[in-house]
Amino acid sequence: MRAVLLLLALSVSATGLAEVADSSANGFTVVHEVTIDAPRTETWLVAIRIGEWWSNDHTISGDASRMTIDPVPQGCFCEALGKNAGVVHLTVTSVNPTVWLRLSGGLGPLGVMGVDGNMNWEFSDAGGGTRVRFTYAVGGYSPDGLDSIAEPVNFVIGEALARLKARVETGNADNID
């Protein structure tokens, strides 16, 4: 419940390319892009260790270290909640290590709504660093319309990417500039 309230309360964007690319009553797309000052392999390896950089505020348990991604087709972006308890936030649908990770499902509170989403993480060379682009397209039904939650989801995705950048570059995901 804590994650639901935080997600709905937040409505600002992180740094870098950050936008709600489109929004309507039946869906939205958010896009975020940053350049990380590290090689692509290093960036990828940190990215898939999501428990090292995801925000505690955007978990069900309140503890991001319980978050994992198994970066293989049908792999789980999951949150452990205890013995025989947990949440599948997203499912890996396609992976090409250091190039892309594609996931499907409803992240966080979207998982209990009448929606589905496709999230793409793309990694490319950018000078001596890595360009990382997160795109999340969500569609389906909500009585209040999905356009009303586009900005809060935009914030969460933007914050996540800023935290990944901070974790890779400084070793501490809390060092968001």
Protein backbone atom coordinates (compact mmCIF):
# COMPACT_ATOMS: atom_id res chain seq x y z
CA MET A 1 0.00 0.00 0.00
CA ARG A 2 2.89 2.35 0.79
CA ALA A 3 4.19 2.02 -2.76
CA VAL A 4 0.72 2.76 -4.19
CA LEU A 5 0.42 5.98 -2.19
CA LEU A 6 3.94 7.12 -3.08
CA LEU A 7 3.46 6.37 -6.75
CA LEU A 8 0.24 8.36 -6.91
CA ALA A 9 1.64 11.26 -4.88
CA LEU A 10 4.72 11.89 -7.00
CA SER A 11 4.49 14.05 -10.09
CA VAL A 12 7.88 15.52 -11.05
CA SER A 13 10.47 14.33 -13.56
CA ALA A 14 14.10 13.34 -13.15
CA THR A 15 16.99 14.84 -15.15
CA GLY A 16 17.91 13.91 -18.73
CA LEU A 17 15.35 13.10 -21.43
CA ALA A 18 12.24 12.57 -19.37
CA GLU A 19 8.79 12.78 -20.77
CA VAL A 20 5.34 11.41 -20.99
CA ALA A 21 5.54 10.79 -24.73
CA ASP A 22 1.78 10.26 -25.05
CA SER A 23 -1.16 9.87 -22.74
CA SER A 24 -4.86 9.05 -23.04
CA ALA A 25 -7.60 7.42 -21.02
CA ASN A 26 -6.55 3.98 -22.26
CA GLY A 27 -2.77 4.24 -21.97
CA PHE A 28 0.47 6.17 -21.93
CA THR A 29 4.14 5.95 -22.81
CA VAL A 30 6.99 7.35 -20.73
CA VAL A 31 10.53 7.73 -22.05
CA HIS A 32 13.72 8.45 -20.10
CA GLU A 33 17.28 8.58 -21.34
CA VAL A 34 20.61 9.35 -19.67
CA THR A 35 24.26 8.96 -20.51
CA ILE A 36 26.26 7.12 -17.88
CA ASP A 37 30.00 7.66 -17.59
CA ALA A 38 30.94 3.97 -17.70
CA PRO A 39 31.38 1.23 -20.30
CA ARG A 40 28.28 -0.60 -21.47
CA THR A 41 29.22 -3.94 -19.85
CA GLU A 42 29.68 -2.32 -16.44
CA THR A 43 26.42 -0.37 -16.79
CA TRP A 44 24.55 -3.52 -17.81
CA LEU A 45 25.90 -5.55 -14.89
CA VAL A 46 24.82 -2.91 -12.39
CA ALA A 47 21.44 -2.46 -14.09
CA ILE A 48 20.48 -6.11 -13.72
CA ARG A 49 21.42 -6.00 -10.02
CA ILE A 50 18.33 -3.87 -9.46
CA GLY A 51 18.32 -4.30 -5.68
CA GLU A 52 21.48 -2.16 -5.56
CA TRP A 53 19.86 0.95 -7.04
CA TRP A 54 16.06 0.77 -7.02
CA SER A 55 14.41 3.06 -4.47
CA ASN A 56 13.05 1.60 -1.24
CA ASP A 57 10.12 4.01 -1.70
CA HIS A 58 8.95 2.12 -4.78
CA THR A 59 8.75 -1.36 -3.31
CA ILE A 60 6.03 -3.22 -1.47
CA SER A 61 8.40 -4.37 1.27
CA GLY A 62 10.12 -1.02 1.76
CA ASP A 63 13.45 -2.74 1.05
CA ALA A 64 14.87 -2.52 -2.48
CA SER A 65 17.50 -5.16 -1.68
CA ARG A 66 14.64 -7.67 -2.00
CA MET A 67 14.31 -6.78 -5.70
CA THR A 68 15.90 -9.04 -8.32
CA ILE A 69 15.94 -9.48 -12.07
CA ASP A 70 16.73 -12.81 -13.69
CA PRO A 71 17.90 -11.53 -17.12
CA VAL A 72 16.79 -14.48 -19.22
CA PRO A 73 13.60 -15.01 -21.27
CA GLN A 74 10.75 -15.72 -18.84
CA GLY A 75 12.97 -14.36 -16.05
CA CYS A 76 11.43 -12.50 -13.16
CA PHE A 77 11.71 -8.89 -12.02
CA CYS A 78 10.57 -9.90 -8.57
CA GLU A 79 10.38 -8.75 -4.99
CA ALA A 80 10.82 -11.27 -2.18
CA LEU A 81 8.46 -10.73 0.74
CA GLY A 82 9.42 -13.70 2.92
CA LYS A 83 9.21 -17.46 2.88
CA ASN A 84 6.99 -18.47 -0.05
CA ALA A 85 5.86 -14.85 -0.49
CA GLY A 86 6.69 -12.35 -3.18
CA VAL A 87 5.61 -10.28 -6.14
CA VAL A 88 6.29 -10.65 -9.85
CA HIS A 89 6.48 -7.02 -10.96
CA LEU A 90 7.47 -7.76 -14.57
CA THR A 91 8.52 -10.74 -16.69
CA VAL A 92 11.53 -10.69 -19.02
CA THR A 93 10.36 -11.25 -22.59
CA SER A 94 13.59 -10.61 -24.50
CA VAL A 95 17.21 -10.09 -23.58
CA ASN A 96 20.41 -9.32 -25.43
CA PRO A 97 23.03 -8.69 -22.71
CA THR A 98 24.54 -5.18 -22.83
CA VAL A 99 22.11 -4.22 -25.65
CA TRP A 100 18.51 -4.55 -24.39
CA LEU A 101 16.22 -5.97 -21.75
CA ARG A 102 12.51 -6.14 -22.50
CA LEU A 103 9.94 -6.80 -19.83
CA SER A 104 6.18 -7.13 -19.74
CA GLY A 105 3.62 -6.53 -17.02
CA GLY A 106 2.30 -3.98 -14.59
CA LEU A 107 5.01 -2.47 -12.42
CA GLY A 108 4.06 -1.97 -8.77
CA PRO A 109 0.44 -0.89 -8.31
CA LEU A 110 -0.18 -1.25 -12.06
CA GLY A 111 -0.02 -5.01 -11.43
CA VAL A 112 -3.42 -4.94 -9.71
CA MET A 113 -5.11 -2.79 -12.34
CA GLY A 114 -6.68 -3.81 -15.63
CA VAL A 115 -3.53 -2.88 -17.56
CA ASP A 116 -0.45 -4.37 -19.13
CA GLY A 117 2.81 -2.74 -20.04
CA ASN A 118 5.94 -3.25 -22.08
CA MET A 119 9.18 -1.86 -20.67
CA ASN A 120 12.32 -1.63 -22.78
CA TRP A 121 15.80 -0.91 -21.46
CA GLU A 122 18.22 -0.08 -24.27
CA PHE A 123 22.00 0.27 -23.85
CA SER A 124 24.22 1.86 -26.51
CA ASP A 125 27.69 3.35 -26.72
CA ALA A 126 27.91 7.12 -26.23
CA GLY A 127 31.48 8.32 -26.52
CA GLY A 128 33.31 6.68 -23.63
CA GLY A 129 30.05 6.06 -21.78
CA THR A 130 26.71 4.35 -22.18
CA ARG A 131 23.38 5.77 -23.25
CA VAL A 132 20.55 4.08 -21.37
CA ARG A 133 16.98 4.56 -22.51
CA PHE A 134 13.95 3.30 -20.57
CA THR A 135 10.60 3.25 -22.37
CA TYR A 136 7.44 2.02 -20.66
CA ALA A 137 4.20 1.76 -22.64
CA VAL A 138 1.10 0.92 -20.59
CA GLY A 139 -2.39 0.23 -21.91
CA GLY A 140 -5.68 -1.07 -20.60
CA TYR A 141 -8.57 0.08 -18.47
CA SER A 142 -8.90 2.18 -15.36
CA PRO A 143 -12.20 3.81 -14.31
CA ASP A 144 -10.39 7.14 -13.79
CA GLY A 145 -8.40 6.86 -17.04
CA LEU A 146 -4.75 5.94 -17.34
CA ASP A 147 -3.75 9.48 -18.28
CA SER A 148 -4.20 10.38 -14.60
CA ILE A 149 -1.31 8.13 -13.56
CA ALA A 150 1.09 8.85 -16.43
CA GLU A 151 2.99 11.58 -14.54
CA PRO A 152 3.47 9.55 -11.33
CA VAL A 153 4.75 6.58 -13.36
CA ASN A 154 6.96 9.00 -15.30
CA PHE A 155 8.49 10.15 -12.02
CA VAL A 156 9.17 6.61 -10.77
CA ILE A 157 10.84 5.54 -14.03
CA GLY A 158 12.87 8.76 -14.15
CA GLU A 159 13.99 8.39 -10.56
CA ALA A 160 14.97 4.78 -11.20
CA LEU A 161 17.16 5.74 -14.14
CA ALA A 162 18.76 8.60 -12.16
CA ARG A 163 19.49 6.16 -9.33
CA LEU A 164 21.04 3.67 -11.78
CA LYS A 165 23.27 6.44 -13.14
CA ALA A 166 24.32 7.46 -9.61
CA ARG A 167 25.00 3.86 -8.60
CA VAL A 168 27.19 3.19 -11.65
CA GLU A 169 29.08 6.49 -11.51
CA THR A 170 29.49 7.00 -7.75
CA GLY A 171 28.81 3.61 -6.18
CA ASN A 172 25.82 5.08 -4.30
CA ALA A 173 22.32 5.23 -5.81
CA ASP A 174 21.36 7.99 -3.35
CA ASN A 175 23.86 10.42 -4.99
CA ILE A 176 21.28 11.73 -7.47
CA ASP A 177 22.25 15.12 -8.88
